[in-house]
Amino acid sequence: MRPTPIELRMRVVAARTQDGQSMGQIAERFKMPKGTVQNILERYRDSGSVQPKPQNAGRKSAFSPKDLRRLETDLLSNPDATLEELRARSRVKVSIVAFHKTIKKLGFTRKKNRYWLSNNAAKT
């Protein structure tokens, strides 16, 4: 869900501070939930800003860009290596499933005991 626009947040704060309207009146005026109005006003009271809080970007990857480059070079030089061997050489402590998903994100697929870049694989 998108955060409430900054302009609308500023109008909510102005309605409360300048006009002295209640939260219910503000919610009705701007056609938004009373809880949203309350959150905006609390944020303004606590921090002096109407900017929304940063949204969670999700879990950070266990693989750094350097680890990914090293893994890609390892896959190109040893296409017949097993997942266990590749994981041991990479020195990144993740599960086999996470390691396999990372290899897929790099664009590699496993064909007859070898890893290939999917755009290099022959189409059938």
PDB file of N, CA and C in Angstrom:
ATOM      1  N   MET A   1       0.830  -1.168   0.000  1.00  0.00           N
ATOM      2  CA  MET A   1       0.000   0.000   0.000  1.00  0.00           C
ATOM      3  C   MET A   1       0.880   1.238   0.000  1.00  0.00           C
ATOM      4  N   ARG A   2       0.512   2.230  -0.789  1.00  0.00           N
ATOM      5  CA  ARG A   2       1.306   3.447  -0.888  1.00  0.00           C
ATOM      6  C   ARG A   2       1.090   4.341   0.325  1.00  0.00           C
ATOM      7  N   PRO A   3       2.136   5.076   0.719  1.00  0.00           N
ATOM      8  CA  PRO A   3       1.960   6.021   1.819  1.00  0.00           C
ATOM      9  C   PRO A   3       1.079   7.201   1.373  1.00  0.00           C
ATOM     10  N   THR A   4       0.454   7.841   2.338  1.00  0.00           N
ATOM     11  CA  THR A   4      -0.368   9.010   2.062  1.00  0.00           C
ATOM     12  C   THR A   4       0.523  10.123   1.513  1.00  0.00           C
ATOM     13  N   PRO A   5       0.092  10.812   0.453  1.00  0.00           N
ATOM     14  CA  PRO A   5       0.932  11.874  -0.123  1.00  0.00           C
ATOM     15  C   PRO A   5       1.292  12.956   0.900  1.00  0.00           C
ATOM     16  N   ILE A   6       2.476  13.536   0.726  1.00  0.00           N
ATOM     17  CA  ILE A   6       3.000  14.543   1.655  1.00  0.00           C
ATOM     18  C   ILE A   6       2.062  15.748   1.728  1.00  0.00           C
ATOM     19  N   GLU A   7       1.559  16.188   0.576  1.00  0.00           N
ATOM     20  CA  GLU A   7       0.676  17.355   0.545  1.00  0.00           C
ATOM     21  C   GLU A   7      -0.569  17.123   1.409  1.00  0.00           C
ATOM     22  N   LEU A   8      -1.151  15.931   1.307  1.00  0.00           N
ATOM     23  CA  LEU A   8      -2.329  15.605   2.106  1.00  0.00           C
ATOM     24  C   LEU A   8      -1.970  15.541   3.597  1.00  0.00           C
ATOM     25  N   ARG A   9      -0.806  15.014   3.907  1.00  0.00           N
ATOM     26  CA  ARG A   9      -0.352  14.962   5.299  1.00  0.00           C
ATOM     27  C   ARG A   9      -0.207  16.371   5.873  1.00  0.00           C
ATOM     28  N   MET A  10       0.339  17.278   5.066  1.00  0.00           N
ATOM     29  CA  MET A  10       0.501  18.660   5.529  1.00  0.00           C
ATOM     30  C   MET A  10      -0.862  19.327   5.729  1.00  0.00           C
ATOM     31  N   ARG A  11      -1.819  19.021   4.870  1.00  0.00           N
ATOM     32  CA  ARG A  11      -3.169  19.580   5.028  1.00  0.00           C
ATOM     33  C   ARG A  11      -3.844  19.035   6.279  1.00  0.00           C
ATOM     34  N   VAL A  12      -3.582  17.754   6.606  1.00  0.00           N
ATOM     35  CA  VAL A  12      -4.141  17.166   7.831  1.00  0.00           C
ATOM     36  C   VAL A  12      -3.580  17.873   9.055  1.00  0.00           C
ATOM     37  N   VAL A  13      -2.272  18.099   9.073  1.00  0.00           N
ATOM     38  CA  VAL A  13      -1.635  18.777  10.211  1.00  0.00           C
ATOM     39  C   VAL A  13      -2.142  20.217  10.322  1.00  0.00           C
ATOM     40  N   ALA A  14      -2.286  20.890   9.181  1.00  0.00           N
ATOM     41  CA  ALA A  14      -2.780  22.268   9.191  1.00  0.00           C
ATOM     42  C   ALA A  14      -4.212  22.329   9.707  1.00  0.00           C
ATOM     43  N   ALA A  15      -5.037  21.367   9.330  1.00  0.00           N
ATOM     44  CA  ALA A  15      -6.428  21.338   9.798  1.00  0.00           C
ATOM     45  C   ALA A  15      -6.477  21.173  11.313  1.00  0.00           C
ATOM     46  N   ARG A  16      -5.546  20.438  11.853  1.00  0.00           N
ATOM     47  CA  ARG A  16      -5.530  20.220  13.306  1.00  0.00           C
ATOM     48  C   ARG A  16      -4.954  21.430  14.047  1.00  0.00           C
ATOM     49  N   THR A  17      -3.811  21.932  13.569  1.00  0.00           N
ATOM     50  CA  THR A  17      -3.124  22.996  14.299  1.00  0.00           C
ATOM     51  C   THR A  17      -3.749  24.373  14.063  1.00  0.00           C
ATOM     52  N   GLN A  18      -4.109  24.671  12.825  1.00  0.00           N
ATOM     53  CA  GLN A  18      -4.630  26.007  12.515  1.00  0.00           C
ATOM     54  C   GLN A  18      -6.140  26.109  12.719  1.00  0.00           C
ATOM     55  N   ASP A  19      -6.875  25.094  12.241  1.00  0.00           N
ATOM     56  CA  ASP A  19      -8.335  25.142  12.329  1.00  0.00           C
ATOM     57  C   ASP A  19      -8.866  24.554  13.634  1.00  0.00           C
ATOM     58  N   GLY A  20      -8.053  23.749  14.298  1.00  0.00           N
ATOM     59  CA  GLY A  20      -8.455  23.151  15.564  1.00  0.00           C
ATOM     60  C   GLY A  20      -9.523  22.076  15.424  1.00  0.00           C
ATOM     61  N   GLN A  21      -9.571  21.426  14.263  1.00  0.00           N
ATOM     62  CA  GLN A  21     -10.567  20.382  14.032  1.00  0.00           C
ATOM     63  C   GLN A  21     -10.190  19.106  14.781  1.00  0.00           C
ATOM     64  N   SER A  22     -11.206  18.314  15.113  1.00  0.00           N
ATOM     65  CA  SER A  22     -10.955  17.030  15.773  1.00  0.00           C
ATOM     66  C   SER A  22     -10.501  16.013  14.731  1.00  0.00           C
ATOM     67  N   MET A  23      -9.957  14.902  15.225  1.00  0.00           N
ATOM     68  CA  MET A  23      -9.503  13.848  14.309  1.00  0.00           C
ATOM     69  C   MET A  23     -10.659  13.302  13.485  1.00  0.00           C
ATOM     70  N   GLY A  24     -11.807  13.156  14.099  1.00  0.00           N
ATOM     71  CA  GLY A  24     -12.985  12.668  13.383  1.00  0.00           C
ATOM     72  C   GLY A  24     -13.407  13.610  12.277  1.00  0.00           C
ATOM     73  N   GLN A  25     -13.378  14.907  12.548  1.00  0.00           N
ATOM     74  CA  GLN A  25     -13.738  15.892  11.532  1.00  0.00           C
ATOM     75  C   GLN A  25     -12.733  15.885  10.382  1.00  0.00           C
ATOM     76  N   ILE A  26     -11.465  15.779  10.718  1.00  0.00           N
ATOM     77  CA  ILE A  26     -10.422  15.740   9.682  1.00  0.00           C
ATOM     78  C   ILE A  26     -10.577  14.498   8.820  1.00  0.00           C
ATOM     79  N   ALA A  27     -10.843  13.361   9.467  1.00  0.00           N
ATOM     80  CA  ALA A  27     -11.012  12.106   8.726  1.00  0.00           C
ATOM     81  C   ALA A  27     -12.192  12.207   7.774  1.00  0.00           C
ATOM     82  N   GLU A  28     -13.272  12.803   8.240  1.00  0.00           N
ATOM     83  CA  GLU A  28     -14.460  12.955   7.405  1.00  0.00           C
ATOM     84  C   GLU A  28     -14.186  13.935   6.260  1.00  0.00           C
ATOM     85  N   ARG A  29     -13.501  15.031   6.566  1.00  0.00           N
ATOM     86  CA  ARG A  29     -13.205  16.058   5.564  1.00  0.00           C
ATOM     87  C   ARG A  29     -12.340  15.522   4.429  1.00  0.00           C
ATOM     88  N   PHE A  30     -11.300  14.753   4.770  1.00  0.00           N
ATOM     89  CA  PHE A  30     -10.370  14.253   3.758  1.00  0.00           C
ATOM     90  C   PHE A  30     -10.684  12.831   3.302  1.00  0.00           C
ATOM     91  N   LYS A  31     -11.794  12.264   3.808  1.00  0.00           N
ATOM     92  CA  LYS A  31     -12.249  10.918   3.425  1.00  0.00           C
ATOM     93  C   LYS A  31     -11.141   9.878   3.608  1.00  0.00           C
ATOM     94  N   MET A  32     -10.649   9.816   4.840  1.00  0.00           N
ATOM     95  CA  MET A  32      -9.616   8.840   5.181  1.00  0.00           C
ATOM     96  C   MET A  32      -9.918   8.280   6.567  1.00  0.00           C
ATOM     97  N   PRO A  33      -9.385   7.099   6.885  1.00  0.00           N
ATOM     98  CA  PRO A  33      -9.644   6.508   8.203  1.00  0.00           C
ATOM     99  C   PRO A  33      -9.107   7.380   9.335  1.00  0.00           C
ATOM    100  N   LYS A  34      -9.805   7.354  10.442  1.00  0.00           N
ATOM    101  CA  LYS A  34      -9.403   8.137  11.616  1.00  0.00           C
ATOM    102  C   LYS A  34      -8.032   7.681  12.126  1.00  0.00           C
ATOM    103  N   GLY A  35      -7.754   6.393  12.024  1.00  0.00           N
ATOM    104  CA  GLY A  35      -6.453   5.861  12.449  1.00  0.00           C
ATOM    105  C   GLY A  35      -5.311   6.450  11.641  1.00  0.00           C
ATOM    106  N   THR A  36      -5.538   6.673  10.345  1.00  0.00           N
ATOM    107  CA  THR A  36      -4.506   7.276   9.508  1.00  0.00           C
ATOM    108  C   THR A  36      -4.236   8.704   9.951  1.00  0.00           C
ATOM    109  N   VAL A  37      -5.311   9.437  10.223  1.00  0.00           N
ATOM    110  CA  VAL A  37      -5.168  10.810  10.715  1.00  0.00           C
ATOM    111  C   VAL A  37      -4.386  10.812  12.020  1.00  0.00           C
ATOM    112  N   GLN A  38      -4.729   9.897  12.906  1.00  0.00           N
ATOM    113  CA  GLN A  38      -4.050   9.801  14.201  1.00  0.00           C
ATOM    114  C   GLN A  38      -2.564   9.508  14.008  1.00  0.00           C
ATOM    115  N   ASN A  39      -2.237   8.578  13.112  1.00  0.00           N
ATOM    116  CA  ASN A  39      -0.831   8.233  12.859  1.00  0.00           C
ATOM    117  C   ASN A  39      -0.055   9.428  12.310  1.00  0.00           C
ATOM    118  N   ILE A  40      -0.678  10.180  11.391  1.00  0.00           N
ATOM    119  CA  ILE A  40      -0.007  11.345  10.809  1.00  0.00           C
ATOM    120  C   ILE A  40       0.265  12.388  11.894  1.00  0.00           C
ATOM    121  N   LEU A  41      -0.744  12.647  12.720  1.00  0.00           N
ATOM    122  CA  LEU A  41      -0.586  13.659  13.773  1.00  0.00           C
ATOM    123  C   LEU A  41       0.428  13.222  14.833  1.00  0.00           C
ATOM    124  N   GLU A  42       0.454  11.934  15.172  1.00  0.00           N
ATOM    125  CA  GLU A  42       1.451  11.429  16.134  1.00  0.00           C
ATOM    126  C   GLU A  42       2.856  11.561  15.566  1.00  0.00           C
ATOM    127  N   ARG A  43       3.010  11.244  14.295  1.00  0.00           N
ATOM    128  CA  ARG A  43       4.317  11.353  13.648  1.00  0.00           C
ATOM    129  C   ARG A  43       4.790  12.806  13.661  1.00  0.00           C
ATOM    130  N   TYR A  44       3.858  13.720  13.376  1.00  0.00           N
ATOM    131  CA  TYR A  44       4.208  15.146  13.385  1.00  0.00           C
ATOM    132  C   TYR A  44       4.556  15.605  14.802  1.00  0.00           C
ATOM    133  N   ARG A  45       3.806  15.152  15.779  1.00  0.00           N
ATOM    134  CA  ARG A  45       4.054  15.533  17.174  1.00  0.00           C
ATOM    135  C   ARG A  45       5.414  15.009  17.657  1.00  0.00           C
ATOM    136  N   ASP A  46       5.732  13.757  17.312  1.00  0.00           N
ATOM    137  CA  ASP A  46       6.963  13.133  17.812  1.00  0.00           C
ATOM    138  C   ASP A  46       8.223  13.604  17.093  1.00  0.00           C
ATOM    139  N   SER A  47       8.142  13.754  15.764  1.00  0.00           N
ATOM    140  CA  SER A  47       9.356  14.070  15.010  1.00  0.00           C
ATOM    141  C   SER A  47       9.348  15.453  14.377  1.00  0.00           C
ATOM    142  N   GLY A  48       8.184  16.100  14.329  1.00  0.00           N
ATOM    143  CA  GLY A  48       8.104  17.405  13.687  1.00  0.00           C
ATOM    144  C   GLY A  48       8.081  17.309  12.179  1.00  0.00           C
ATOM    145  N   SER A  49       7.940  16.103  11.658  1.00  0.00           N
ATOM    146  CA  SER A  49       7.945  15.872  10.219  1.00  0.00           C
ATOM    147  C   SER A  49       6.695  15.105   9.822  1.00  0.00           C
ATOM    148  N   VAL A  50       6.237  15.340   8.599  1.00  0.00           N
ATOM    149  CA  VAL A  50       5.093  14.574   8.100  1.00  0.00           C
ATOM    150  C   VAL A  50       5.543  13.496   7.117  1.00  0.00           C
ATOM    151  N   GLN A  51       6.851  13.340   6.954  1.00  0.00           N
ATOM    152  CA  GLN A  51       7.386  12.319   6.040  1.00  0.00           C
ATOM    153  C   GLN A  51       7.007  10.922   6.544  1.00  0.00           C
ATOM    154  N   PRO A  52       6.627  10.003   5.630  1.00  0.00           N
ATOM    155  CA  PRO A  52       6.314   8.643   6.075  1.00  0.00           C
ATOM    156  C   PRO A  52       7.570   7.912   6.508  1.00  0.00           C
ATOM    157  N   LYS A  53       7.382   6.911   7.359  1.00  0.00           N
ATOM    158  CA  LYS A  53       8.506   6.085   7.787  1.00  0.00           C
ATOM    159  C   LYS A  53       9.002   5.287   6.586  1.00  0.00           C
ATOM    160  N   PRO A  54      10.296   4.976   6.530  1.00  0.00           N
ATOM    161  CA  PRO A  54      10.786   4.154   5.420  1.00  0.00           C
ATOM    162  C   PRO A  54      10.171   2.761   5.479  1.00  0.00           C
ATOM    163  N   GLN A  55       9.832   2.241   4.309  1.00  0.00           N
ATOM    164  CA  GLN A  55       9.228   0.919   4.258  1.00  0.00           C
ATOM    165  C   GLN A  55      10.303  -0.145   4.288  1.00  0.00           C
ATOM    166  N   ASN A  56       9.948  -1.301   4.820  1.00  0.00           N
ATOM    167  CA  ASN A  56      10.889  -2.409   4.929  1.00  0.00           C
ATOM    168  C   ASN A  56      11.221  -2.946   3.540  1.00  0.00           C
ATOM    169  N   ALA A  57      12.492  -3.018   3.233  1.00  0.00           N
ATOM    170  CA  ALA A  57      12.917  -3.490   1.922  1.00  0.00           C
ATOM    171  C   ALA A  57      13.092  -5.000   1.876  1.00  0.00           C
ATOM    172  N   GLY A  58      12.817  -5.687   2.947  1.00  0.00           N
ATOM    173  CA  GLY A  58      12.958  -7.133   2.966  1.00  0.00           C
ATOM    174  C   GLY A  58      14.296  -7.573   3.529  1.00  0.00           C
ATOM    175  N   ARG A  59      14.494  -8.843   3.483  1.00  0.00           N
ATOM    176  CA  ARG A  59      15.715  -9.416   4.042  1.00  0.00           C
ATOM    177  C   ARG A  59      16.904  -9.166   3.122  1.00  0.00           C
ATOM    178  N   LYS A  60      18.031  -8.858   3.702  1.00  0.00           N
ATOM    179  CA  LYS A  60      19.238  -8.624   2.921  1.00  0.00           C
ATOM    180  C   LYS A  60      19.820  -9.968   2.468  1.00  0.00           C
ATOM    181  N   SER A  61      20.409  -9.960   1.302  1.00  0.00           N
ATOM    182  CA  SER A  61      20.989 -11.168   0.740  1.00  0.00           C
ATOM    183  C   SER A  61      22.250 -11.566   1.505  1.00  0.00           C
ATOM    184  N   ALA A  62      22.466 -12.857   1.634  1.00  0.00           N
ATOM    185  CA  ALA A  62      23.681 -13.355   2.283  1.00  0.00           C
ATOM    186  C   ALA A  62      24.874 -13.232   1.339  1.00  0.00           C
ATOM    187  N   PHE A  63      24.608 -13.064   0.049  1.00  0.00           N
ATOM    188  CA  PHE A  63      25.651 -12.966  -0.966  1.00  0.00           C
ATOM    189  C   PHE A  63      25.935 -11.505  -1.286  1.00  0.00           C
ATOM    190  N   SER A  64      27.160 -11.092  -1.116  1.00  0.00           N
ATOM    191  CA  SER A  64      27.563  -9.742  -1.515  1.00  0.00           C
ATOM    192  C   SER A  64      27.775  -9.754  -3.031  1.00  0.00           C
ATOM    193  N   PRO A  65      27.853  -8.592  -3.667  1.00  0.00           N
ATOM    194  CA  PRO A  65      28.133  -8.575  -5.115  1.00  0.00           C
ATOM    195  C   PRO A  65      29.440  -9.288  -5.462  1.00  0.00           C
ATOM    196  N   LYS A  66      30.424  -9.178  -4.582  1.00  0.00           N
ATOM    197  CA  LYS A  66      31.709  -9.864  -4.801  1.00  0.00           C
ATOM    198  C   LYS A  66      31.514 -11.383  -4.750  1.00  0.00           C
ATOM    199  N   ASP A  67      30.694 -11.870  -3.789  1.00  0.00           N
ATOM    200  CA  ASP A  67      30.405 -13.302  -3.692  1.00  0.00           C
ATOM    201  C   ASP A  67      29.686 -13.804  -4.943  1.00  0.00           C
ATOM    202  N   LEU A  68      28.763 -12.993  -5.464  1.00  0.00           N
ATOM    203  CA  LEU A  68      28.024 -13.398  -6.663  1.00  0.00           C
ATOM    204  C   LEU A  68      28.948 -13.498  -7.873  1.00  0.00           C
ATOM    205  N   ARG A  69      29.861 -12.530  -8.017  1.00  0.00           N
ATOM    206  CA  ARG A  69      30.810 -12.590  -9.135  1.00  0.00           C
ATOM    207  C   ARG A  69      31.702 -13.824  -9.018  1.00  0.00           C
ATOM    208  N   ARG A  70      32.165 -14.113  -7.780  1.00  0.00           N
ATOM    209  CA  ARG A  70      33.020 -15.275  -7.554  1.00  0.00           C
ATOM    210  C   ARG A  70      32.263 -16.568  -7.870  1.00  0.00           C
ATOM    211  N   LEU A  71      30.984 -16.626  -7.472  1.00  0.00           N
ATOM    212  CA  LEU A  71      30.169 -17.808  -7.740  1.00  0.00           C
ATOM    213  C   LEU A  71      29.955 -17.996  -9.234  1.00  0.00           C
ATOM    214  N   GLU A  72      29.700 -16.897  -9.945  1.00  0.00           N
ATOM    215  CA  GLU A  72      29.493 -16.996 -11.388  1.00  0.00           C
ATOM    216  C   GLU A  72      30.747 -17.493 -12.095  1.00  0.00           C
ATOM    217  N   THR A  73      31.913 -16.993 -11.693  1.00  0.00           N
ATOM    218  CA  THR A  73      33.172 -17.467 -12.298  1.00  0.00           C
ATOM    219  C   THR A  73      33.394 -18.937 -11.984  1.00  0.00           C
ATOM    220  N   ASP A  74      33.077 -19.328 -10.755  1.00  0.00           N
ATOM    221  CA  ASP A  74      33.228 -20.729 -10.355  1.00  0.00           C
ATOM    222  C   ASP A  74      32.302 -21.624 -11.177  1.00  0.00           C
ATOM    223  N   LEU A  75      31.073 -21.175 -11.410  1.00  0.00           N
ATOM    224  CA  LEU A  75      30.133 -21.968 -12.201  1.00  0.00           C
ATOM    225  C   LEU A  75      30.593 -22.104 -13.656  1.00  0.00           C
ATOM    226  N   LEU A  76      31.160 -21.033 -14.199  1.00  0.00           N
ATOM    227  CA  LEU A  76      31.631 -21.089 -15.588  1.00  0.00           C
ATOM    228  C   LEU A  76      32.872 -21.963 -15.731  1.00  0.00           C
ATOM    229  N   SER A  77      33.729 -21.967 -14.712  1.00  0.00           N
ATOM    230  CA  SER A  77      34.942 -22.788 -14.805  1.00  0.00           C
ATOM    231  C   SER A  77      34.708 -24.238 -14.381  1.00  0.00           C
ATOM    232  N   ASN A  78      33.699 -24.489 -13.535  1.00  0.00           N
ATOM    233  CA  ASN A  78      33.382 -25.852 -13.084  1.00  0.00           C
ATOM    234  C   ASN A  78      31.885 -26.131 -13.283  1.00  0.00           C
ATOM    235  N   PRO A  79      31.432 -26.299 -14.527  1.00  0.00           N
ATOM    236  CA  PRO A  79      29.994 -26.467 -14.762  1.00  0.00           C
ATOM    237  C   PRO A  79      29.431 -27.792 -14.248  1.00  0.00           C
ATOM    238  N   ASP A  80      30.297 -28.782 -13.997  1.00  0.00           N
ATOM    239  CA  ASP A  80      29.790 -30.083 -13.552  1.00  0.00           C
ATOM    240  C   ASP A  80      29.902 -30.260 -12.028  1.00  0.00           C
ATOM    241  N   ALA A  81      30.200 -29.194 -11.287  1.00  0.00           N
ATOM    242  CA  ALA A  81      30.309 -29.275  -9.829  1.00  0.00           C
ATOM    243  C   ALA A  81      28.921 -29.423  -9.207  1.00  0.00           C
ATOM    244  N   THR A  82      28.869 -30.104  -8.072  1.00  0.00           N
ATOM    245  CA  THR A  82      27.604 -30.262  -7.367  1.00  0.00           C
ATOM    246  C   THR A  82      27.332 -29.015  -6.523  1.00  0.00           C
ATOM    247  N   LEU A  83      26.102 -28.910  -6.060  1.00  0.00           N
ATOM    248  CA  LEU A  83      25.743 -27.784  -5.198  1.00  0.00           C
ATOM    249  C   LEU A  83      26.603 -27.757  -3.936  1.00  0.00           C
ATOM    250  N   GLU A  84      26.823 -28.911  -3.340  1.00  0.00           N
ATOM    251  CA  GLU A  84      27.649 -29.008  -2.121  1.00  0.00           C
ATOM    252  C   GLU A  84      29.051 -28.485  -2.373  1.00  0.00           C
ATOM    253  N   GLU A  85      29.658 -28.897  -3.485  1.00  0.00           N
ATOM    254  CA  GLU A  85      31.019 -28.449  -3.804  1.00  0.00           C
ATOM    255  C   GLU A  85      31.059 -26.938  -4.026  1.00  0.00           C
ATOM    256  N   LEU A  86      30.095 -26.431  -4.761  1.00  0.00           N
ATOM    257  CA  LEU A  86      30.048 -24.994  -5.026  1.00  0.00           C
ATOM    258  C   LEU A  86      29.849 -24.209  -3.734  1.00  0.00           C
ATOM    259  N   ARG A  87      28.972 -24.716  -2.872  1.00  0.00           N
ATOM    260  CA  ARG A  87      28.699 -24.033  -1.609  1.00  0.00           C
ATOM    261  C   ARG A  87      29.939 -24.036  -0.711  1.00  0.00           C
ATOM    262  N   ALA A  88      30.665 -25.149  -0.680  1.00  0.00           N
ATOM    263  CA  ALA A  88      31.873 -25.235   0.141  1.00  0.00           C
ATOM    264  C   ALA A  88      32.936 -24.254  -0.359  1.00  0.00           C
ATOM    265  N   ARG A  89      33.069 -24.134  -1.664  1.00  0.00           N
ATOM    266  CA  ARG A  89      34.072 -23.215  -2.218  1.00  0.00           C
ATOM    267  C   ARG A  89      33.686 -21.754  -2.044  1.00  0.00           C
ATOM    268  N   SER A  90      32.402 -21.475  -1.991  1.00  0.00           N
ATOM    269  CA  SER A  90      31.964 -20.077  -1.902  1.00  0.00           C
ATOM    270  C   SER A  90      32.176 -19.492  -0.512  1.00  0.00           C
ATOM    271  N   ARG A  91      32.199 -20.338   0.515  1.00  0.00           N
ATOM    272  CA  ARG A  91      32.372 -19.932   1.909  1.00  0.00           C
ATOM    273  C   ARG A  91      31.261 -19.019   2.419  1.00  0.00           C
ATOM    274  N   VAL A  92      30.085 -19.070   1.785  1.00  0.00           N
ATOM    275  CA  VAL A  92      28.920 -18.328   2.256  1.00  0.00           C
ATOM    276  C   VAL A  92      28.044 -19.325   2.996  1.00  0.00           C
ATOM    277  N   LYS A  93      27.687 -19.019   4.226  1.00  0.00           N
ATOM    278  CA  LYS A  93      26.938 -19.959   5.053  1.00  0.00           C
ATOM    279  C   LYS A  93      25.442 -19.794   4.818  1.00  0.00           C
ATOM    280  N   VAL A  94      24.930 -20.554   3.852  1.00  0.00           N
ATOM    281  CA  VAL A  94      23.501 -20.575   3.552  1.00  0.00           C
ATOM    282  C   VAL A  94      23.079 -22.021   3.319  1.00  0.00           C
ATOM    283  N   SER A  95      21.780 -22.260   3.299  1.00  0.00           N
ATOM    284  CA  SER A  95      21.280 -23.606   3.046  1.00  0.00           C
ATOM    285  C   SER A  95      21.456 -23.959   1.570  1.00  0.00           C
ATOM    286  N   ILE A  96      21.319 -25.237   1.283  1.00  0.00           N
ATOM    287  CA  ILE A  96      21.415 -25.709  -0.102  1.00  0.00           C
ATOM    288  C   ILE A  96      20.322 -25.058  -0.951  1.00  0.00           C
ATOM    289  N   VAL A  97      19.126 -24.932  -0.392  1.00  0.00           N
ATOM    290  CA  VAL A  97      18.005 -24.350  -1.134  1.00  0.00           C
ATOM    291  C   VAL A  97      18.300 -22.889  -1.481  1.00  0.00           C
ATOM    292  N   ALA A  98      18.794 -22.127  -0.500  1.00  0.00           N
ATOM    293  CA  ALA A  98      19.133 -20.724  -0.748  1.00  0.00           C
ATOM    294  C   ALA A  98      20.243 -20.616  -1.795  1.00  0.00           C
ATOM    295  N   PHE A  99      21.188 -21.528  -1.741  1.00  0.00           N
ATOM    296  CA  PHE A  99      22.283 -21.531  -2.705  1.00  0.00           C
ATOM    297  C   PHE A  99      21.752 -21.830  -4.104  1.00  0.00           C
ATOM    298  N   HIS A 100      20.861 -22.814  -4.203  1.00  0.00           N
ATOM    299  CA  HIS A 100      20.274 -23.172  -5.493  1.00  0.00           C
ATOM    300  C   HIS A 100      19.477 -22.000  -6.076  1.00  0.00           C
ATOM    301  N   LYS A 101      18.702 -21.314  -5.230  1.00  0.00           N
ATOM    302  CA  LYS A 101      17.910 -20.169  -5.698  1.00  0.00           C
ATOM    303  C   LYS A 101      18.814 -19.039  -6.191  1.00  0.00           C
ATOM    304  N   THR A 102      19.948 -18.850  -5.544  1.00  0.00           N
ATOM    305  CA  THR A 102      20.891 -17.822  -5.965  1.00  0.00           C
ATOM    306  C   THR A 102      21.469 -18.157  -7.326  1.00  0.00           C
ATOM    307  N   ILE A 103      21.781 -19.419  -7.543  1.00  0.00           N
ATOM    308  CA  ILE A 103      22.301 -19.849  -8.847  1.00  0.00           C
ATOM    309  C   ILE A 103      21.249 -19.612  -9.929  1.00  0.00           C
ATOM    310  N   LYS A 104      19.981 -19.896  -9.616  1.00  0.00           N
ATOM    311  CA  LYS A 104      18.910 -19.652 -10.585  1.00  0.00           C
ATOM    312  C   LYS A 104      18.763 -18.165 -10.875  1.00  0.00           C
ATOM    313  N   LYS A 105      18.916 -17.315  -9.846  1.00  0.00           N
ATOM    314  CA  LYS A 105      18.822 -15.867 -10.047  1.00  0.00           C
ATOM    315  C   LYS A 105      19.940 -15.359 -10.945  1.00  0.00           C
ATOM    316  N   LEU A 106      21.094 -16.023 -10.895  1.00  0.00           N
ATOM    317  CA  LEU A 106      22.200 -15.651 -11.771  1.00  0.00           C
ATOM    318  C   LEU A 106      21.948 -16.063 -13.218  1.00  0.00           C
ATOM    319  N   GLY A 107      20.907 -16.876 -13.440  1.00  0.00           N
ATOM    320  CA  GLY A 107      20.551 -17.267 -14.799  1.00  0.00           C
ATOM    321  C   GLY A 107      21.081 -18.620 -15.215  1.00  0.00           C
ATOM    322  N   PHE A 108      21.555 -19.422 -14.277  1.00  0.00           N
ATOM    323  CA  PHE A 108      22.086 -20.742 -14.604  1.00  0.00           C
ATOM    324  C   PHE A 108      21.008 -21.801 -14.410  1.00  0.00           C
ATOM    325  N   THR A 109      21.031 -22.809 -15.281  1.00  0.00           N
ATOM    326  CA  THR A 109      20.153 -23.964 -15.135  1.00  0.00           C
ATOM    327  C   THR A 109      21.010 -25.213 -15.174  1.00  0.00           C
ATOM    328  N   ARG A 110      20.500 -26.285 -14.615  1.00  0.00           N
ATOM    329  CA  ARG A 110      21.255 -27.539 -14.572  1.00  0.00           C
ATOM    330  C   ARG A 110      20.737 -28.452 -15.661  1.00  0.00           C
ATOM    331  N   LYS A 111      21.631 -28.846 -16.567  1.00  0.00           N
ATOM    332  CA  LYS A 111      21.287 -29.750 -17.659  1.00  0.00           C
ATOM    333  C   LYS A 111      22.297 -30.895 -17.675  1.00  0.00           C
ATOM    334  N   LYS A 112      21.794 -32.087 -17.456  1.00  0.00           N
ATOM    335  CA  LYS A 112      22.637 -33.291 -17.505  1.00  0.00           C
ATOM    336  C   LYS A 112      23.924 -33.117 -16.708  1.00  0.00           C
ATOM    337  N   ASN A 113      23.804 -32.843 -15.430  1.00  0.00           N
ATOM    338  CA  ASN A 113      24.916 -32.718 -14.492  1.00  0.00           C
ATOM    339  C   ASN A 113      25.847 -31.543 -14.790  1.00  0.00           C
ATOM    340  N   ARG A 114      25.389 -30.542 -15.519  1.00  0.00           N
ATOM    341  CA  ARG A 114      26.205 -29.360 -15.796  1.00  0.00           C
ATOM    342  C   ARG A 114      25.357 -28.118 -15.630  1.00  0.00           C
ATOM    343  N   TYR A 115      25.990 -27.042 -15.188  1.00  0.00           N
ATOM    344  CA  TYR A 115      25.310 -25.760 -15.095  1.00  0.00           C
ATOM    345  C   TYR A 115      25.578 -24.964 -16.371  1.00  0.00           C
ATOM    346  N   TRP A 116      24.528 -24.408 -16.948  1.00  0.00           N
ATOM    347  CA  TRP A 116      24.612 -23.594 -18.150  1.00  0.00           C
ATOM    348  C   TRP A 116      23.905 -22.276 -17.893  1.00  0.00           C
ATOM    349  N   LEU A 117      24.365 -21.244 -18.559  1.00  0.00           N
ATOM    350  CA  LEU A 117      23.596 -20.001 -18.545  1.00  0.00           C
ATOM    351  C   LEU A 117      22.364 -20.262 -19.389  1.00  0.00           C
ATOM    352  N   SER A 118      21.207 -19.876 -18.921  1.00  0.00           N
ATOM    353  CA  SER A 118      19.962 -20.248 -19.590  1.00  0.00           C
ATOM    354  C   SER A 118      19.868 -19.655 -20.995  1.00  0.00           C
ATOM    355  N   ASN A 119      20.484 -18.508 -21.263  1.00  0.00           N
ATOM    356  CA  ASN A 119      20.405 -17.958 -22.613  1.00  0.00           C
ATOM    357  C   ASN A 119      21.354 -18.666 -23.576  1.00  0.00           C
ATOM    358  N   ASN A 120      22.300 -19.468 -23.058  1.00  0.00           N
ATOM    359  CA  ASN A 120      23.206 -20.243 -23.895  1.00  0.00           C
ATOM    360  C   ASN A 120      22.668 -21.647 -24.157  1.00  0.00           C
ATOM    361  N   ALA A 121      21.677 -22.074 -23.414  1.00  0.00           N
ATOM    362  CA  ALA A 121      21.143 -23.424 -23.573  1.00  0.00           C
ATOM    363  C   ALA A 121      20.370 -23.504 -24.884  1.00  0.00           C
ATOM    364  N   ALA A 122      20.517 -24.622 -25.563  1.00  0.00           N
ATOM    365  CA  ALA A 122      19.820 -24.806 -26.843  1.00  0.00           C
ATOM    366  C   ALA A 122      18.328 -24.959 -26.608  1.00  0.00           C
ATOM    367  N   LYS A 123      17.544 -24.324 -27.454  1.00  0.00           N
ATOM    368  CA  LYS A 123      16.094 -24.417 -27.331  1.00  0.00           C
ATOM    369  C   LYS A 123      15.622 -25.691 -27.997  1.00  0.00           C
ATOM    370  N   THR A 124      14.631 -26.330 -27.368  1.00  0.00           N
ATOM    371  CA  THR A 124      14.105 -27.576 -27.943  1.00  0.00           C
ATOM    372  C   THR A 124      12.712 -27.373 -28.457  1.00  0.00           C
TER     373      THR A 124
END
